[in-house]
PDB file of N, CA and C in Angstrom:
ATOM      1  N   MET A   1       1.922  30.430  12.051  1.00  0.00           N
ATOM      2  CA  MET A   1       0.493  30.443  12.232  1.00  0.00           C
ATOM      3  C   MET A   1      -0.165  29.587  11.144  1.00  0.00           C
ATOM      4  N   ILE A   2      -1.072  28.727  11.530  1.00  0.00           N
ATOM      5  CA  ILE A   2      -1.769  27.883  10.580  1.00  0.00           C
ATOM      6  C   ILE A   2      -3.002  28.628  10.075  1.00  0.00           C
ATOM      7  N   THR A   3      -3.061  28.799   8.779  1.00  0.00           N
ATOM      8  CA  THR A   3      -4.178  29.514   8.158  1.00  0.00           C
ATOM      9  C   THR A   3      -5.028  28.531   7.357  1.00  0.00           C
ATOM     10  N   LYS A   4      -6.189  28.988   6.927  1.00  0.00           N
ATOM     11  CA  LYS A   4      -7.050  28.144   6.084  1.00  0.00           C
ATOM     12  C   LYS A   4      -6.331  27.774   4.791  1.00  0.00           C
ATOM     13  N   LYS A   5      -5.546  28.712   4.248  1.00  0.00           N
ATOM     14  CA  LYS A   5      -4.809  28.440   3.013  1.00  0.00           C
ATOM     15  C   LYS A   5      -3.793  27.323   3.244  1.00  0.00           C
ATOM     16  N   TYR A   6      -3.084  27.369   4.365  1.00  0.00           N
ATOM     17  CA  TYR A   6      -2.098  26.340   4.696  1.00  0.00           C
ATOM     18  C   TYR A   6      -2.771  24.980   4.820  1.00  0.00           C
ATOM     19  N   ILE A   7      -3.895  24.919   5.501  1.00  0.00           N
ATOM     20  CA  ILE A   7      -4.624  23.661   5.670  1.00  0.00           C
ATOM     21  C   ILE A   7      -5.084  23.138   4.310  1.00  0.00           C
ATOM     22  N   SER A   8      -5.579  24.011   3.455  1.00  0.00           N
ATOM     23  CA  SER A   8      -6.018  23.616   2.123  1.00  0.00           C
ATOM     24  C   SER A   8      -4.859  23.036   1.318  1.00  0.00           C
ATOM     25  N   LEU A   9      -3.692  23.655   1.380  1.00  0.00           N
ATOM     26  CA  LEU A   9      -2.518  23.154   0.667  1.00  0.00           C
ATOM     27  C   LEU A   9      -2.097  21.794   1.200  1.00  0.00           C
ATOM     28  N   ALA A  10      -2.129  21.623   2.501  1.00  0.00           N
ATOM     29  CA  ALA A  10      -1.750  20.347   3.112  1.00  0.00           C
ATOM     30  C   ALA A  10      -2.698  19.242   2.666  1.00  0.00           C
ATOM     31  N   ILE A  11      -3.965  19.522   2.620  1.00  0.00           N
ATOM     32  CA  ILE A  11      -4.956  18.539   2.174  1.00  0.00           C
ATOM     33  C   ILE A  11      -4.724  18.191   0.707  1.00  0.00           C
ATOM     34  N   ASP A  12      -4.457  19.195  -0.126  1.00  0.00           N
ATOM     35  CA  ASP A  12      -4.200  18.953  -1.543  1.00  0.00           C
ATOM     36  C   ASP A  12      -2.964  18.084  -1.740  1.00  0.00           C
ATOM     37  N   CYS A  13      -1.901  18.328  -1.001  1.00  0.00           N
ATOM     38  CA  CYS A  13      -0.675  17.539  -1.105  1.00  0.00           C
ATOM     39  C   CYS A  13      -0.922  16.097  -0.671  1.00  0.00           C
ATOM     40  N   TYR A  14      -1.662  15.905   0.390  1.00  0.00           N
ATOM     41  CA  TYR A  14      -1.946  14.565   0.877  1.00  0.00           C
ATOM     42  C   TYR A  14      -2.756  13.782  -0.152  1.00  0.00           C
ATOM     43  N   ALA A  15      -3.693  14.451  -0.817  1.00  0.00           N
ATOM     44  CA  ALA A  15      -4.548  13.790  -1.797  1.00  0.00           C
ATOM     45  C   ALA A  15      -3.758  13.306  -3.003  1.00  0.00           C
ATOM     46  N   VAL A  16      -2.658  13.980  -3.340  1.00  0.00           N
ATOM     47  CA  VAL A  16      -1.847  13.611  -4.488  1.00  0.00           C
ATOM     48  C   VAL A  16      -1.076  12.318  -4.233  1.00  0.00           C
ATOM     49  N   ILE A  17      -0.663  12.081  -3.009  1.00  0.00           N
ATOM     50  CA  ILE A  17       0.094  10.883  -2.663  1.00  0.00           C
ATOM     51  C   ILE A  17      -0.903   9.787  -2.302  1.00  0.00           C
ATOM     52  N   LYS A  18      -1.058   8.821  -3.189  1.00  0.00           N
ATOM     53  CA  LYS A  18      -2.012   7.747  -2.959  1.00  0.00           C
ATOM     54  C   LYS A  18      -1.266   6.565  -2.348  1.00  0.00           C
ATOM     55  N   MET A  19      -1.615   6.277  -1.123  1.00  0.00           N
ATOM     56  CA  MET A  19      -0.943   5.200  -0.413  1.00  0.00           C
ATOM     57  C   MET A  19      -1.803   3.942  -0.430  1.00  0.00           C
ATOM     58  N   ALA A  20      -1.136   2.817  -0.584  1.00  0.00           N
ATOM     59  CA  ALA A  20      -1.787   1.518  -0.511  1.00  0.00           C
ATOM     60  C   ALA A  20      -1.228   0.804   0.715  1.00  0.00           C
ATOM     61  N   ILE A  21      -1.921  -0.219   1.151  1.00  0.00           N
ATOM     62  CA  ILE A  21      -1.448  -1.028   2.272  1.00  0.00           C
ATOM     63  C   ILE A  21      -0.951  -2.365   1.724  1.00  0.00           C
ATOM     64  N   ASP A  22       0.297  -2.686   2.011  1.00  0.00           N
ATOM     65  CA  ASP A  22       0.860  -3.984   1.638  1.00  0.00           C
ATOM     66  C   ASP A  22       0.041  -5.047   2.369  1.00  0.00           C
ATOM     67  N   PRO A  23      -0.632  -5.964   1.646  1.00  0.00           N
ATOM     68  CA  PRO A  23      -1.491  -6.936   2.305  1.00  0.00           C
ATOM     69  C   PRO A  23      -0.741  -7.977   3.132  1.00  0.00           C
ATOM     70  N   VAL A  24       0.564  -8.066   2.961  1.00  0.00           N
ATOM     71  CA  VAL A  24       1.349  -9.051   3.704  1.00  0.00           C
ATOM     72  C   VAL A  24       1.815  -8.496   5.048  1.00  0.00           C
ATOM     73  N   CYS A  25       2.387  -7.294   5.044  1.00  0.00           N
ATOM     74  CA  CYS A  25       2.964  -6.747   6.280  1.00  0.00           C
ATOM     75  C   CYS A  25       2.231  -5.512   6.800  1.00  0.00           C
ATOM     76  N   ASN A  26       1.237  -5.038   6.054  1.00  0.00           N
ATOM     77  CA  ASN A  26       0.425  -3.875   6.428  1.00  0.00           C
ATOM     78  C   ASN A  26       1.167  -2.547   6.434  1.00  0.00           C
ATOM     79  N   MET A  27       2.302  -2.471   5.767  1.00  0.00           N
ATOM     80  CA  MET A  27       3.018  -1.196   5.649  1.00  0.00           C
ATOM     81  C   MET A  27       2.363  -0.351   4.565  1.00  0.00           C
ATOM     82  N   GLU A  28       2.463   0.978   4.695  1.00  0.00           N
ATOM     83  CA  GLU A  28       1.984   1.868   3.655  1.00  0.00           C
ATOM     84  C   GLU A  28       2.987   1.889   2.505  1.00  0.00           C
ATOM     85  N   VAL A  29       2.452   1.868   1.282  1.00  0.00           N
ATOM     86  CA  VAL A  29       3.279   1.875   0.082  1.00  0.00           C
ATOM     87  C   VAL A  29       2.727   2.940  -0.855  1.00  0.00           C
ATOM     88  N   ASP A  30       3.593   3.799  -1.350  1.00  0.00           N
ATOM     89  CA  ASP A  30       3.194   4.832  -2.298  1.00  0.00           C
ATOM     90  C   ASP A  30       2.949   4.169  -3.650  1.00  0.00           C
ATOM     91  N   GLU A  31       1.715   4.211  -4.128  1.00  0.00           N
ATOM     92  CA  GLU A  31       1.366   3.551  -5.384  1.00  0.00           C
ATOM     93  C   GLU A  31       2.171   4.095  -6.562  1.00  0.00           C
ATOM     94  N   ALA A  32       2.509   5.363  -6.535  1.00  0.00           N
ATOM     95  CA  ALA A  32       3.218   5.991  -7.657  1.00  0.00           C
ATOM     96  C   ALA A  32       4.659   5.515  -7.776  1.00  0.00           C
ATOM     97  N   THR A  33       5.271   5.114  -6.670  1.00  0.00           N
ATOM     98  CA  THR A  33       6.684   4.737  -6.708  1.00  0.00           C
ATOM     99  C   THR A  33       6.934   3.277  -6.340  1.00  0.00           C
ATOM    100  N   ALA A  34       5.887   2.521  -6.103  1.00  0.00           N
ATOM    101  CA  ALA A  34       6.047   1.116  -5.696  1.00  0.00           C
ATOM    102  C   ALA A  34       6.789   0.322  -6.765  1.00  0.00           C
ATOM    103  N   LYS A  35       7.813  -0.399  -6.357  1.00  0.00           N
ATOM    104  CA  LYS A  35       8.593  -1.230  -7.278  1.00  0.00           C
ATOM    105  C   LYS A  35       7.959  -2.602  -7.462  1.00  0.00           C
ATOM    106  N   TRP A  36       7.216  -3.060  -6.468  1.00  0.00           N
ATOM    107  CA  TRP A  36       6.673  -4.410  -6.500  1.00  0.00           C
ATOM    108  C   TRP A  36       5.152  -4.353  -6.478  1.00  0.00           C
ATOM    109  N   LYS A  37       4.544  -4.943  -7.517  1.00  0.00           N
ATOM    110  CA  LYS A  37       3.091  -4.944  -7.683  1.00  0.00           C
ATOM    111  C   LYS A  37       2.662  -6.331  -8.151  1.00  0.00           C
ATOM    112  N   ALA A  38       1.415  -6.663  -7.879  1.00  0.00           N
ATOM    113  CA  ALA A  38       0.843  -7.916  -8.381  1.00  0.00           C
ATOM    114  C   ALA A  38      -0.633  -7.684  -8.673  1.00  0.00           C
ATOM    115  N   GLU A  39      -1.112  -8.327  -9.699  1.00  0.00           N
ATOM    116  CA  GLU A  39      -2.526  -8.292 -10.046  1.00  0.00           C
ATOM    117  C   GLU A  39      -3.167  -9.571  -9.511  1.00  0.00           C
ATOM    118  N   TYR A  40      -4.340  -9.414  -8.913  1.00  0.00           N
ATOM    119  CA  TYR A  40      -5.085 -10.583  -8.443  1.00  0.00           C
ATOM    120  C   TYR A  40      -6.568 -10.269  -8.535  1.00  0.00           C
ATOM    121  N   LYS A  41      -7.292 -11.089  -9.277  1.00  0.00           N
ATOM    122  CA  LYS A  41      -8.730 -10.921  -9.468  1.00  0.00           C
ATOM    123  C   LYS A  41      -9.085  -9.500  -9.908  1.00  0.00           C
ATOM    124  N   GLY A  42      -8.290  -8.966 -10.830  1.00  0.00           N
ATOM    125  CA  GLY A  42      -8.579  -7.660 -11.404  1.00  0.00           C
ATOM    126  C   GLY A  42      -8.169  -6.458 -10.557  1.00  0.00           C
ATOM    127  N   LYS A  43      -7.504  -6.691  -9.445  1.00  0.00           N
ATOM    128  CA  LYS A  43      -7.067  -5.592  -8.580  1.00  0.00           C
ATOM    129  C   LYS A  43      -5.550  -5.600  -8.470  1.00  0.00           C
ATOM    130  N   THR A  44      -4.960  -4.405  -8.407  1.00  0.00           N
ATOM    131  CA  THR A  44      -3.521  -4.281  -8.234  1.00  0.00           C
ATOM    132  C   THR A  44      -3.200  -4.154  -6.744  1.00  0.00           C
ATOM    133  N   TYR A  45      -2.236  -4.943  -6.298  1.00  0.00           N
ATOM    134  CA  TYR A  45      -1.750  -4.882  -4.922  1.00  0.00           C
ATOM    135  C   TYR A  45      -0.302  -4.398  -4.956  1.00  0.00           C
ATOM    136  N   TYR A  46       0.069  -3.612  -3.959  1.00  0.00           N
ATOM    137  CA  TYR A  46       1.383  -2.989  -3.903  1.00  0.00           C
ATOM    138  C   TYR A  46       2.133  -3.522  -2.690  1.00  0.00           C
ATOM    139  N   PHE A  47       3.462  -3.693  -2.851  1.00  0.00           N
ATOM    140  CA  PHE A  47       4.272  -4.311  -1.801  1.00  0.00           C
ATOM    141  C   PHE A  47       5.498  -3.472  -1.488  1.00  0.00           C
ATOM    142  N   CYS A  48       5.922  -3.562  -0.236  1.00  0.00           N
ATOM    143  CA  CYS A  48       7.075  -2.776   0.214  1.00  0.00           C
ATOM    144  C   CYS A  48       8.403  -3.434  -0.170  1.00  0.00           C
ATOM    145  N   ALA A  49       8.382  -4.746  -0.430  1.00  0.00           N
ATOM    146  CA  ALA A  49       9.613  -5.481  -0.701  1.00  0.00           C
ATOM    147  C   ALA A  49       9.295  -6.720  -1.541  1.00  0.00           C
ATOM    148  N   PRO A  50      10.301  -7.262  -2.221  1.00  0.00           N
ATOM    149  CA  PRO A  50      10.053  -8.432  -3.061  1.00  0.00           C
ATOM    150  C   PRO A  50       9.590  -9.656  -2.269  1.00  0.00           C
ATOM    151  N   GLY A  51      10.023  -9.789  -1.022  1.00  0.00           N
ATOM    152  CA  GLY A  51       9.603 -10.922  -0.202  1.00  0.00           C
ATOM    153  C   GLY A  51       8.105 -10.900   0.078  1.00  0.00           C
ATOM    154  N   CYS A  52       7.550  -9.719   0.290  1.00  0.00           N
ATOM    155  CA  CYS A  52       6.105  -9.597   0.515  1.00  0.00           C
ATOM    156  C   CYS A  52       5.343  -9.957  -0.756  1.00  0.00           C
ATOM    157  N   LYS A  53       5.836  -9.525  -1.891  1.00  0.00           N
ATOM    158  CA  LYS A  53       5.190  -9.847  -3.168  1.00  0.00           C
ATOM    159  C   LYS A  53       5.205 -11.352  -3.405  1.00  0.00           C
ATOM    160  N   THR A  54       6.339 -11.994  -3.162  1.00  0.00           N
ATOM    161  CA  THR A  54       6.472 -13.434  -3.354  1.00  0.00           C
ATOM    162  C   THR A  54       5.529 -14.197  -2.435  1.00  0.00           C
ATOM    163  N   ALA A  55       5.456 -13.785  -1.173  1.00  0.00           N
ATOM    164  CA  ALA A  55       4.568 -14.446  -0.215  1.00  0.00           C
ATOM    165  C   ALA A  55       3.113 -14.307  -0.648  1.00  0.00           C
ATOM    166  N   PHE A  56       2.731 -13.125  -1.097  1.00  0.00           N
ATOM    167  CA  PHE A  56       1.366 -12.882  -1.548  1.00  0.00           C
ATOM    168  C   PHE A  56       1.038 -13.758  -2.751  1.00  0.00           C
ATOM    169  N   GLU A  57       1.928 -13.795  -3.724  1.00  0.00           N
ATOM    170  CA  GLU A  57       1.664 -14.563  -4.940  1.00  0.00           C
ATOM    171  C   GLU A  57       1.547 -16.057  -4.665  1.00  0.00           C
ATOM    172  N   ALA A  58       2.202 -16.539  -3.630  1.00  0.00           N
ATOM    173  CA  ALA A  58       2.132 -17.959  -3.284  1.00  0.00           C
ATOM    174  C   ALA A  58       0.763 -18.325  -2.698  1.00  0.00           C
ATOM    175  N   ASP A  59       0.115 -17.392  -2.002  1.00  0.00           N
ATOM    176  CA  ASP A  59      -1.178 -17.677  -1.375  1.00  0.00           C
ATOM    177  C   ASP A  59      -1.939 -16.385  -1.108  1.00  0.00           C
ATOM    178  N   PRO A  60      -2.446 -15.744  -2.152  1.00  0.00           N
ATOM    179  CA  PRO A  60      -3.113 -14.445  -1.984  1.00  0.00           C
ATOM    180  C   PRO A  60      -4.288 -14.472  -1.011  1.00  0.00           C
ATOM    181  N   GLU A  61      -5.084 -15.514  -1.051  1.00  0.00           N
ATOM    182  CA  GLU A  61      -6.260 -15.581  -0.181  1.00  0.00           C
ATOM    183  C   GLU A  61      -5.874 -15.577   1.300  1.00  0.00           C
ATOM    184  N   LYS A  62      -4.746 -16.137   1.628  1.00  0.00           N
ATOM    185  CA  LYS A  62      -4.263 -16.145   3.018  1.00  0.00           C
ATOM    186  C   LYS A  62      -4.125 -14.707   3.523  1.00  0.00           C
ATOM    187  N   TYR A  63      -3.578 -13.837   2.704  1.00  0.00           N
ATOM    188  CA  TYR A  63      -3.335 -12.457   3.117  1.00  0.00           C
ATOM    189  C   TYR A  63      -4.575 -11.578   2.985  1.00  0.00           C
ATOM    190  N   LEU A  64      -5.414 -11.850   2.022  1.00  0.00           N
ATOM    191  CA  LEU A  64      -6.616 -11.042   1.842  1.00  0.00           C
ATOM    192  C   LEU A  64      -7.694 -11.379   2.873  1.00  0.00           C
ATOM    193  N   SER A  65      -7.619 -12.582   3.419  1.00  0.00           N
ATOM    194  CA  SER A  65      -8.609 -12.980   4.441  1.00  0.00           C
ATOM    195  C   SER A  65      -8.175 -12.572   5.841  1.00  0.00           C
ATOM    196  N   GLY A  66      -6.955 -12.046   5.954  1.00  0.00           N
ATOM    197  CA  GLY A  66      -6.451 -11.619   7.259  1.00  0.00           C
ATOM    198  C   GLY A  66      -5.790 -12.731   8.050  1.00  0.00           C
ATOM    199  N   GLY A  67      -5.615 -13.881   7.432  1.00  0.00           N
ATOM    200  CA  GLY A  67      -5.040 -15.020   8.141  1.00  0.00           C
ATOM    201  C   GLY A  67      -3.530 -15.074   8.137  1.00  0.00           C
ATOM    202  N   GLY A  68      -2.894 -14.217   7.386  1.00  0.00           N
ATOM    203  CA  GLY A  68      -1.433 -14.257   7.303  1.00  0.00           C
ATOM    204  C   GLY A  68      -0.846 -12.951   7.750  1.00  0.00           C
ATOM    205  N   GLY A  69       0.351 -12.730   7.328  1.00  0.00           N
ATOM    206  CA  GLY A  69       0.996 -11.454   7.613  1.00  0.00           C
ATOM    207  C   GLY A  69       2.256 -11.607   8.430  1.00  0.00           C
ATOM    208  N   HIS A  70       3.134 -10.660   8.249  1.00  0.00           N
ATOM    209  CA  HIS A  70       4.340 -10.594   9.063  1.00  0.00           C
ATOM    210  C   HIS A  70       4.699  -9.130   9.262  1.00  0.00           C
ATOM    211  N   HIS A  71       5.558  -8.878  10.183  1.00  0.00           N
ATOM    212  CA  HIS A  71       5.968  -7.522  10.476  1.00  0.00           C
ATOM    213  C   HIS A  71       7.458  -7.368  10.198  1.00  0.00           C
ATOM    214  N   HIS A  72       7.816  -6.196   9.734  1.00  0.00           N
ATOM    215  CA  HIS A  72       9.246  -5.901   9.475  1.00  0.00           C
ATOM    216  C   HIS A  72       9.886  -5.371  10.723  1.00  0.00           C
TER     217      HIS A  72
END
């Protein structure tokens, strides 16, 4: 049975896990455990794999403008 307490706990757990979106492939990445990160214009971006990080660093504006991207 789902109770208000259960729902509250689920919401609290979800809030602790901060997910970012890899700007290259749009996968969710856990910010706390991400191995690949890059700084650009004062913001940290998180990546699911080294290839996504490399692609982003080569042309960040391509991925931030929505003009690039690939799927795994």
